[in-house]
Amino acid sequence: MKLFLKTAVFTVAMPGTFAVLLPIVLAGDRTAANGATLGLALPLFALGIVLYLRSAWDFAVYGSGTPAPIDAPKRLVIRGFYRYTRNPMYVASLSVVVGWATLFGAAVLLAYAVALFVFFTLFVRLYEEPRLRREFGDEYATYVSQVGRWLPRRRLRSKVT
C-alpha cells in the first residue's frame, strides 16, 4: 500500500504538473475545441492515462518500486506496456500534452511537447539508461536489443523451414 501512496504522490507532483497543470496554464484563456477536434483529443488523453496507470502499476507490483528515480523498481520491469516501449510513462505524458495541444489548438503546447520530448530524451539517455545498465547488466542489454526506446519495434517473424 505504501508503494501505491508514494506512486500517487509522485504522479500528482510530476506528471500532474508537467502533463496537466502547465499545459492548462500555457493554454491560457483559449477556448477548448468541440466536435471532431475534441474527438481527436480525447483518445490522446485516454491513451496517456491508460499507459501511465498501467505502467505505474507494473512498477509497484512487479518492480517493487515507484516512478520516482529515488525509489525506482528493484526488478527490471519488462511486462505490460514495457514489452513494447522502454518508456511508456514518458510516452503517456507526451500523449496527454499533445491531447491538450489538440484540444486548445495551441502551437505553444506543441512546442512545449517538443521541449518535453527533448528533456525526456536527455534524461533517459544521460541518467536512466546508464543507471539501468549498471543495475541490471545483461538483462537490460537484452531488453534494449528487443524493445524500442519510444516506439514499438517491428518484430520480424522467424521463417520455419
N, C-alpha and C. Protein backbone atom coordinates (compact mmCIF):
# COMPACT_ATOMS: atom_id res chain seq x y z
N MET A 1 0.82 -1.19 0.00
CA MET A 1 0.00 0.00 0.00
C MET A 1 0.87 1.26 0.00
N LYS A 2 2.01 1.17 0.69
CA LYS A 2 2.91 2.31 0.77
C LYS A 2 3.44 2.70 -0.62
N LEU A 3 3.76 1.69 -1.45
CA LEU A 3 4.23 1.97 -2.81
C LEU A 3 3.17 2.72 -3.62
N PHE A 4 1.91 2.32 -3.46
CA PHE A 4 0.84 2.98 -4.21
C PHE A 4 0.66 4.43 -3.76
N LEU A 5 0.81 4.68 -2.47
CA LEU A 5 0.72 6.05 -1.96
C LEU A 5 1.87 6.89 -2.48
N LYS A 6 3.10 6.35 -2.45
CA LYS A 6 4.25 7.08 -2.98
C LYS A 6 4.10 7.31 -4.49
N THR A 7 3.57 6.33 -5.20
CA THR A 7 3.34 6.48 -6.63
C THR A 7 2.31 7.57 -6.89
N ALA A 8 1.25 7.60 -6.09
CA ALA A 8 0.21 8.63 -6.25
C ALA A 8 0.78 10.03 -6.00
N VAL A 9 1.59 10.16 -4.97
CA VAL A 9 2.20 11.47 -4.67
C VAL A 9 3.11 11.89 -5.82
N PHE A 10 3.95 10.98 -6.30
CA PHE A 10 4.82 11.30 -7.43
C PHE A 10 4.00 11.67 -8.66
N THR A 11 2.93 10.94 -8.91
CA THR A 11 2.09 11.18 -10.09
C THR A 11 1.49 12.58 -10.07
N VAL A 12 0.99 12.98 -8.94
CA VAL A 12 0.43 14.33 -8.82
C VAL A 12 1.53 15.38 -8.98
N ALA A 13 2.67 15.13 -8.34
CA ALA A 13 3.75 16.11 -8.35
C ALA A 13 4.41 16.26 -9.72
N MET A 14 4.71 15.16 -10.39
CA MET A 14 5.47 15.26 -11.63
C MET A 14 4.58 15.23 -12.89
N PRO A 15 4.05 14.08 -13.28
CA PRO A 15 3.20 14.11 -14.48
C PRO A 15 2.01 15.06 -14.31
N GLY A 16 1.48 15.14 -13.09
CA GLY A 16 0.37 16.06 -12.85
C GLY A 16 0.74 17.50 -13.14
N THR A 17 1.95 17.86 -12.79
CA THR A 17 2.42 19.22 -13.06
C THR A 17 2.77 19.42 -14.53
N PHE A 18 3.59 18.50 -15.07
CA PHE A 18 4.11 18.70 -16.43
C PHE A 18 3.15 18.32 -17.54
N ALA A 19 2.20 17.42 -17.27
CA ALA A 19 1.28 17.00 -18.32
C ALA A 19 -0.13 17.56 -18.15
N VAL A 20 -0.41 18.13 -16.99
CA VAL A 20 -1.76 18.68 -16.78
C VAL A 20 -1.72 20.16 -16.42
N LEU A 21 -1.10 20.49 -15.30
CA LEU A 21 -1.12 21.87 -14.81
C LEU A 21 -0.45 22.85 -15.78
N LEU A 22 0.79 22.59 -16.16
CA LEU A 22 1.49 23.52 -17.06
C LEU A 22 0.79 23.67 -18.42
N PRO A 23 0.32 22.59 -19.04
CA PRO A 23 -0.41 22.79 -20.30
C PRO A 23 -1.67 23.65 -20.14
N ILE A 24 -2.37 23.48 -19.04
CA ILE A 24 -3.57 24.32 -18.81
C ILE A 24 -3.16 25.78 -18.65
N VAL A 25 -2.07 26.01 -17.92
CA VAL A 25 -1.57 27.38 -17.76
C VAL A 25 -1.14 27.95 -19.11
N LEU A 26 -0.41 27.14 -19.90
CA LEU A 26 0.05 27.61 -21.21
C LEU A 26 -1.11 27.84 -22.18
N ALA A 27 -2.18 27.10 -22.01
CA ALA A 27 -3.35 27.29 -22.88
C ALA A 27 -4.02 28.64 -22.62
N GLY A 28 -3.82 29.16 -21.44
CA GLY A 28 -4.37 30.47 -21.11
C GLY A 28 -5.88 30.49 -21.19
N ASP A 29 -6.39 31.51 -21.84
CA ASP A 29 -7.85 31.67 -21.92
C ASP A 29 -8.42 31.13 -23.23
N ARG A 30 -7.67 30.29 -23.92
CA ARG A 30 -8.18 29.69 -25.16
C ARG A 30 -9.42 28.86 -24.87
N THR A 31 -10.29 28.82 -25.82
CA THR A 31 -11.50 28.01 -25.70
C THR A 31 -11.21 26.59 -26.18
N ALA A 32 -11.68 25.64 -25.43
CA ALA A 32 -11.49 24.24 -25.82
C ALA A 32 -12.33 23.93 -27.05
N ALA A 33 -11.79 23.05 -27.87
CA ALA A 33 -12.46 22.65 -29.10
C ALA A 33 -13.63 21.73 -28.78
N ASN A 34 -14.46 21.55 -29.79
CA ASN A 34 -15.53 20.57 -29.69
C ASN A 34 -15.59 19.81 -31.01
N GLY A 35 -16.55 18.98 -31.16
CA GLY A 35 -16.72 18.25 -32.42
C GLY A 35 -15.57 17.30 -32.71
N ALA A 36 -15.12 17.31 -33.97
CA ALA A 36 -14.09 16.38 -34.42
C ALA A 36 -12.77 16.60 -33.69
N THR A 37 -12.44 17.84 -33.41
CA THR A 37 -11.18 18.12 -32.72
C THR A 37 -11.20 17.54 -31.31
N LEU A 38 -12.31 17.66 -30.64
CA LEU A 38 -12.47 17.04 -29.33
C LEU A 38 -12.35 15.52 -29.47
N GLY A 39 -12.91 15.00 -30.55
CA GLY A 39 -12.82 13.57 -30.82
C GLY A 39 -11.40 13.09 -31.07
N LEU A 40 -10.51 13.99 -31.48
CA LEU A 40 -9.10 13.64 -31.63
C LEU A 40 -8.35 13.77 -30.29
N ALA A 41 -8.73 14.75 -29.49
CA ALA A 41 -8.04 14.99 -28.23
C ALA A 41 -8.35 13.91 -27.19
N LEU A 42 -9.58 13.48 -27.11
CA LEU A 42 -9.97 12.53 -26.07
C LEU A 42 -9.21 11.20 -26.14
N PRO A 43 -9.01 10.61 -27.32
CA PRO A 43 -8.22 9.37 -27.36
C PRO A 43 -6.75 9.58 -26.93
N LEU A 44 -6.21 10.77 -27.20
CA LEU A 44 -4.85 11.06 -26.74
C LEU A 44 -4.78 11.10 -25.21
N PHE A 45 -5.80 11.72 -24.59
CA PHE A 45 -5.87 11.73 -23.13
C PHE A 45 -6.03 10.31 -22.60
N ALA A 46 -6.95 9.56 -23.19
CA ALA A 46 -7.21 8.19 -22.73
C ALA A 46 -5.96 7.32 -22.87
N LEU A 47 -5.29 7.43 -24.01
CA LEU A 47 -4.06 6.66 -24.22
C LEU A 47 -3.04 7.00 -23.13
N GLY A 48 -2.85 8.28 -22.88
CA GLY A 48 -1.88 8.70 -21.88
C GLY A 48 -2.23 8.19 -20.49
N ILE A 49 -3.49 8.28 -20.13
CA ILE A 49 -3.91 7.84 -18.79
C ILE A 49 -3.73 6.34 -18.64
N VAL A 50 -4.17 5.58 -19.62
CA VAL A 50 -4.05 4.12 -19.55
C VAL A 50 -2.58 3.69 -19.53
N LEU A 51 -1.77 4.27 -20.42
CA LEU A 51 -0.34 3.94 -20.45
C LEU A 51 0.31 4.22 -19.09
N TYR A 52 0.04 5.40 -18.56
CA TYR A 52 0.69 5.78 -17.31
C TYR A 52 0.24 4.90 -16.15
N LEU A 53 -1.07 4.75 -15.98
CA LEU A 53 -1.57 4.00 -14.83
C LEU A 53 -1.11 2.54 -14.85
N ARG A 54 -1.18 1.91 -16.02
CA ARG A 54 -0.74 0.51 -16.09
C ARG A 54 0.77 0.41 -15.83
N SER A 55 1.53 1.34 -16.36
CA SER A 55 2.98 1.30 -16.18
C SER A 55 3.35 1.56 -14.72
N ALA A 56 2.68 2.49 -14.07
CA ALA A 56 2.93 2.75 -12.65
C ALA A 56 2.54 1.52 -11.82
N TRP A 57 1.46 0.87 -12.20
CA TRP A 57 1.03 -0.35 -11.53
C TRP A 57 2.13 -1.42 -11.64
N ASP A 58 2.67 -1.60 -12.84
CA ASP A 58 3.73 -2.58 -13.05
C ASP A 58 4.97 -2.24 -12.24
N PHE A 59 5.29 -0.95 -12.13
CA PHE A 59 6.43 -0.55 -11.32
C PHE A 59 6.23 -0.99 -9.87
N ALA A 60 5.03 -0.76 -9.34
CA ALA A 60 4.76 -1.08 -7.94
C ALA A 60 4.64 -2.58 -7.71
N VAL A 61 3.82 -3.25 -8.51
CA VAL A 61 3.51 -4.66 -8.27
C VAL A 61 4.65 -5.58 -8.70
N TYR A 62 5.14 -5.41 -9.89
CA TYR A 62 6.18 -6.30 -10.42
C TYR A 62 7.58 -5.83 -10.02
N GLY A 63 7.82 -4.52 -10.11
CA GLY A 63 9.15 -4.00 -9.86
C GLY A 63 9.45 -3.62 -8.43
N SER A 64 8.41 -3.59 -7.59
CA SER A 64 8.57 -3.20 -6.17
C SER A 64 9.21 -1.82 -6.02
N GLY A 65 8.75 -0.87 -6.84
CA GLY A 65 9.27 0.49 -6.77
C GLY A 65 8.22 1.48 -7.27
N THR A 66 8.65 2.69 -7.48
CA THR A 66 7.76 3.76 -7.95
C THR A 66 8.39 4.42 -9.19
N PRO A 67 7.65 5.30 -9.85
CA PRO A 67 8.23 6.03 -10.98
C PRO A 67 9.29 7.05 -10.56
N ALA A 68 9.37 7.38 -9.29
CA ALA A 68 10.35 8.36 -8.82
C ALA A 68 11.76 7.77 -8.92
N PRO A 69 12.69 8.49 -9.54
CA PRO A 69 14.07 7.97 -9.67
C PRO A 69 14.71 7.60 -8.33
N ILE A 70 14.33 8.26 -7.26
CA ILE A 70 14.92 7.95 -5.96
C ILE A 70 14.32 6.70 -5.32
N ASP A 71 13.26 6.15 -5.90
CA ASP A 71 12.62 4.94 -5.39
C ASP A 71 12.25 4.03 -6.55
N ALA A 72 13.21 3.84 -7.44
CA ALA A 72 12.98 3.08 -8.67
C ALA A 72 12.70 1.61 -8.37
N PRO A 73 12.10 0.91 -9.32
CA PRO A 73 11.84 -0.53 -9.14
C PRO A 73 13.13 -1.31 -8.86
N LYS A 74 12.97 -2.37 -8.08
CA LYS A 74 14.10 -3.23 -7.72
C LYS A 74 14.32 -4.31 -8.77
N ARG A 75 13.30 -4.58 -9.57
CA ARG A 75 13.39 -5.53 -10.67
C ARG A 75 13.19 -4.77 -11.97
N LEU A 76 13.82 -5.24 -13.04
CA LEU A 76 13.64 -4.64 -14.36
C LEU A 76 12.22 -4.94 -14.83
N VAL A 77 11.44 -3.90 -15.06
CA VAL A 77 10.04 -4.07 -15.46
C VAL A 77 10.00 -4.24 -16.98
N ILE A 78 9.59 -5.42 -17.41
CA ILE A 78 9.53 -5.74 -18.84
C ILE A 78 8.19 -6.37 -19.19
N ARG A 79 7.17 -6.00 -18.46
CA ARG A 79 5.83 -6.52 -18.73
C ARG A 79 4.89 -5.36 -19.02
N GLY A 80 3.65 -5.67 -19.33
CA GLY A 80 2.70 -4.62 -19.67
C GLY A 80 3.17 -3.85 -20.89
N PHE A 81 3.05 -2.55 -20.85
CA PHE A 81 3.46 -1.72 -21.98
C PHE A 81 4.97 -1.68 -22.15
N TYR A 82 5.70 -2.11 -21.13
CA TYR A 82 7.16 -2.16 -21.23
C TYR A 82 7.62 -3.25 -22.20
N ARG A 83 6.71 -4.10 -22.65
CA ARG A 83 7.06 -5.08 -23.69
C ARG A 83 7.17 -4.41 -25.05
N TYR A 84 6.61 -3.20 -25.18
CA TYR A 84 6.55 -2.52 -26.48
C TYR A 84 7.41 -1.26 -26.56
N THR A 85 7.56 -0.57 -25.44
CA THR A 85 8.39 0.63 -25.39
C THR A 85 9.09 0.67 -24.03
N ARG A 86 10.35 1.11 -24.04
CA ARG A 86 11.08 1.16 -22.78
C ARG A 86 10.64 2.34 -21.91
N ASN A 87 9.86 3.24 -22.45
CA ASN A 87 9.49 4.45 -21.71
C ASN A 87 8.01 4.80 -21.85
N PRO A 88 7.12 3.89 -21.49
CA PRO A 88 5.70 4.20 -21.69
C PRO A 88 5.18 5.36 -20.85
N MET A 89 5.78 5.63 -19.70
CA MET A 89 5.29 6.75 -18.89
C MET A 89 5.61 8.09 -19.55
N TYR A 90 6.76 8.18 -20.18
CA TYR A 90 7.08 9.42 -20.90
C TYR A 90 6.19 9.54 -22.14
N VAL A 91 5.98 8.44 -22.83
CA VAL A 91 5.08 8.45 -23.99
C VAL A 91 3.68 8.87 -23.53
N ALA A 92 3.26 8.37 -22.37
CA ALA A 92 1.95 8.72 -21.82
C ALA A 92 1.85 10.22 -21.56
N SER A 93 2.87 10.78 -20.93
CA SER A 93 2.85 12.22 -20.64
C SER A 93 2.81 13.04 -21.92
N LEU A 94 3.59 12.63 -22.91
CA LEU A 94 3.58 13.35 -24.19
C LEU A 94 2.23 13.22 -24.89
N SER A 95 1.62 12.07 -24.79
CA SER A 95 0.29 11.88 -25.38
C SER A 95 -0.72 12.85 -24.77
N VAL A 96 -0.66 13.01 -23.46
CA VAL A 96 -1.57 13.93 -22.78
C VAL A 96 -1.30 15.38 -23.20
N VAL A 97 -0.04 15.76 -23.28
CA VAL A 97 0.30 17.13 -23.69
C VAL A 97 -0.16 17.39 -25.13
N VAL A 98 0.04 16.42 -26.02
CA VAL A 98 -0.44 16.59 -27.40
C VAL A 98 -1.97 16.62 -27.42
N GLY A 99 -2.59 15.90 -26.51
CA GLY A 99 -4.05 15.99 -26.36
C GLY A 99 -4.49 17.41 -26.00
N TRP A 100 -3.77 18.03 -25.06
CA TRP A 100 -4.07 19.44 -24.71
C TRP A 100 -3.87 20.36 -25.91
N ALA A 101 -2.77 20.15 -26.63
CA ALA A 101 -2.48 20.98 -27.81
C ALA A 101 -3.60 20.85 -28.83
N THR A 102 -4.10 19.64 -29.00
CA THR A 102 -5.21 19.40 -29.93
C THR A 102 -6.48 20.05 -29.41
N LEU A 103 -6.77 19.86 -28.15
CA LEU A 103 -7.99 20.39 -27.56
C LEU A 103 -8.07 21.90 -27.66
N PHE A 104 -6.94 22.56 -27.44
CA PHE A 104 -6.93 24.02 -27.46
C PHE A 104 -6.42 24.61 -28.77
N GLY A 105 -5.97 23.77 -29.68
CA GLY A 105 -5.44 24.27 -30.95
C GLY A 105 -4.30 25.25 -30.72
N ALA A 106 -3.41 24.90 -29.81
CA ALA A 106 -2.37 25.83 -29.38
C ALA A 106 -0.98 25.36 -29.81
N ALA A 107 -0.36 26.15 -30.69
CA ALA A 107 1.00 25.84 -31.14
C ALA A 107 1.99 25.88 -29.96
N VAL A 108 1.74 26.73 -28.98
CA VAL A 108 2.63 26.82 -27.83
C VAL A 108 2.67 25.47 -27.09
N LEU A 109 1.56 24.75 -27.09
CA LEU A 109 1.54 23.45 -26.44
C LEU A 109 2.26 22.39 -27.26
N LEU A 110 2.23 22.51 -28.57
CA LEU A 110 3.03 21.60 -29.39
C LEU A 110 4.52 21.87 -29.17
N ALA A 111 4.88 23.13 -29.08
CA ALA A 111 6.28 23.48 -28.80
C ALA A 111 6.68 22.96 -27.43
N TYR A 112 5.79 23.07 -26.48
CA TYR A 112 6.04 22.53 -25.13
C TYR A 112 6.23 21.01 -25.19
N ALA A 113 5.42 20.32 -25.99
CA ALA A 113 5.57 18.87 -26.14
C ALA A 113 6.94 18.52 -26.72
N VAL A 114 7.38 19.29 -27.69
CA VAL A 114 8.71 19.06 -28.28
C VAL A 114 9.80 19.29 -27.23
N ALA A 115 9.66 20.36 -26.45
CA ALA A 115 10.64 20.64 -25.39
C ALA A 115 10.65 19.51 -24.36
N LEU A 116 9.48 19.01 -23.99
CA LEU A 116 9.42 17.90 -23.05
C LEU A 116 10.10 16.66 -23.63
N PHE A 117 9.85 16.40 -24.91
CA PHE A 117 10.48 15.24 -25.55
C PHE A 117 12.00 15.35 -25.51
N VAL A 118 12.51 16.53 -25.78
CA VAL A 118 13.96 16.74 -25.72
C VAL A 118 14.46 16.51 -24.30
N PHE A 119 13.77 17.06 -23.32
CA PHE A 119 14.15 16.86 -21.92
C PHE A 119 14.11 15.38 -21.56
N PHE A 120 13.00 14.69 -21.91
CA PHE A 120 12.88 13.26 -21.61
C PHE A 120 14.01 12.47 -22.26
N THR A 121 14.32 12.79 -23.50
CA THR A 121 15.38 12.08 -24.22
C THR A 121 16.72 12.25 -23.52
N LEU A 122 17.03 13.47 -23.14
CA LEU A 122 18.30 13.72 -22.44
C LEU A 122 18.33 13.00 -21.09
N PHE A 123 17.25 13.06 -20.35
CA PHE A 123 17.19 12.42 -19.04
C PHE A 123 17.34 10.90 -19.18
N VAL A 124 16.65 10.32 -20.14
CA VAL A 124 16.71 8.87 -20.37
C VAL A 124 18.11 8.45 -20.78
N ARG A 125 18.68 9.17 -21.74
CA ARG A 125 19.99 8.76 -22.28
C ARG A 125 21.14 9.04 -21.32
N LEU A 126 21.06 10.14 -20.58
CA LEU A 126 22.17 10.52 -19.72
C LEU A 126 22.08 9.98 -18.29
N TYR A 127 20.87 9.69 -17.83
CA TYR A 127 20.72 9.21 -16.46
C TYR A 127 20.13 7.80 -16.38
N GLU A 128 18.91 7.64 -16.91
CA GLU A 128 18.21 6.37 -16.69
C GLU A 128 18.89 5.17 -17.35
N GLU A 129 19.23 5.30 -18.63
CA GLU A 129 19.81 4.15 -19.31
C GLU A 129 21.16 3.74 -18.71
N PRO A 130 22.07 4.67 -18.41
CA PRO A 130 23.32 4.25 -17.76
C PRO A 130 23.07 3.57 -16.39
N ARG A 131 22.14 4.10 -15.63
CA ARG A 131 21.82 3.50 -14.32
C ARG A 131 21.26 2.10 -14.50
N LEU A 132 20.35 1.93 -15.45
CA LEU A 132 19.77 0.61 -15.69
C LEU A 132 20.82 -0.39 -16.20
N ARG A 133 21.75 0.09 -17.03
CA ARG A 133 22.83 -0.78 -17.49
C ARG A 133 23.68 -1.27 -16.32
N ARG A 134 24.00 -0.34 -15.42
CA ARG A 134 24.81 -0.72 -14.24
C ARG A 134 24.03 -1.68 -13.34
N GLU A 135 22.77 -1.39 -13.12
CA GLU A 135 21.99 -2.16 -12.16
C GLU A 135 21.56 -3.54 -12.68
N PHE A 136 21.19 -3.62 -13.96
CA PHE A 136 20.61 -4.86 -14.47
C PHE A 136 21.46 -5.57 -15.52
N GLY A 137 22.58 -4.97 -15.92
CA GLY A 137 23.55 -5.62 -16.79
C GLY A 137 23.01 -6.26 -18.06
N ASP A 138 23.31 -7.56 -18.21
CA ASP A 138 22.94 -8.28 -19.43
C ASP A 138 21.44 -8.34 -19.65
N GLU A 139 20.68 -8.42 -18.56
CA GLU A 139 19.22 -8.45 -18.69
C GLU A 139 18.72 -7.17 -19.38
N TYR A 140 19.29 -6.04 -18.98
CA TYR A 140 18.90 -4.77 -19.60
C TYR A 140 19.40 -4.69 -21.04
N ALA A 141 20.61 -5.16 -21.30
CA ALA A 141 21.16 -5.14 -22.66
C ALA A 141 20.28 -5.95 -23.60
N THR A 142 19.82 -7.10 -23.16
CA THR A 142 18.92 -7.92 -23.98
C THR A 142 17.61 -7.17 -24.21
N TYR A 143 17.07 -6.58 -23.17
CA TYR A 143 15.82 -5.81 -23.27
C TYR A 143 15.97 -4.66 -24.29
N VAL A 144 17.06 -3.92 -24.21
CA VAL A 144 17.31 -2.81 -25.14
C VAL A 144 17.37 -3.31 -26.58
N SER A 145 17.94 -4.47 -26.77
CA SER A 145 18.06 -5.02 -28.13
C SER A 145 16.72 -5.44 -28.71
N GLN A 146 15.72 -5.62 -27.85
CA GLN A 146 14.43 -6.12 -28.31
C GLN A 146 13.31 -5.08 -28.29
N VAL A 147 13.46 -4.03 -27.50
CA VAL A 147 12.36 -3.07 -27.29
C VAL A 147 12.84 -1.66 -27.58
N GLY A 148 12.07 -0.92 -28.37
CA GLY A 148 12.43 0.44 -28.74
C GLY A 148 12.33 1.41 -27.57
N ARG A 149 13.13 2.47 -27.66
CA ARG A 149 13.15 3.48 -26.60
C ARG A 149 11.80 4.18 -26.49
N TRP A 150 11.22 4.57 -27.63
CA TRP A 150 9.97 5.34 -27.62
C TRP A 150 8.82 4.61 -28.29
N LEU A 151 9.09 4.02 -29.43
CA LEU A 151 8.03 3.36 -30.20
C LEU A 151 8.30 1.87 -30.30
N PRO A 152 7.25 1.09 -30.43
CA PRO A 152 7.46 -0.35 -30.60
C PRO A 152 8.26 -0.64 -31.87
N ARG A 153 9.08 -1.66 -31.79
CA ARG A 153 9.83 -2.10 -32.96
C ARG A 153 9.01 -3.13 -33.70
N ARG A 154 9.16 -3.12 -34.99
CA ARG A 154 8.50 -4.14 -35.78
C ARG A 154 9.30 -5.42 -35.62
N ARG A 155 8.61 -6.44 -35.21
CA ARG A 155 9.29 -7.73 -35.00
C ARG A 155 9.13 -8.59 -36.23
N LEU A 156 10.23 -9.10 -36.68
CA LEU A 156 10.21 -9.99 -37.85
C LEU A 156 9.93 -11.41 -37.38
N ARG A 157 9.06 -12.06 -38.08
CA ARG A 157 8.76 -13.45 -37.74
C ARG A 157 9.84 -14.36 -38.31
N SER A 158 10.22 -15.31 -37.53
CA SER A 158 11.19 -16.28 -38.00
C SER A 158 10.52 -17.23 -38.99
N LYS A 159 11.23 -17.51 -40.05
CA LYS A 159 10.70 -18.46 -41.03
C LYS A 159 10.98 -19.87 -40.54
N VAL A 160 9.97 -20.68 -40.59
CA VAL A 160 10.14 -22.07 -40.21
C VAL A 160 10.39 -22.86 -41.49
N THR A 161 11.51 -23.59 -41.52
CA THR A 161 11.83 -24.36 -42.73
C THR A 161 11.82 -25.83 -42.46
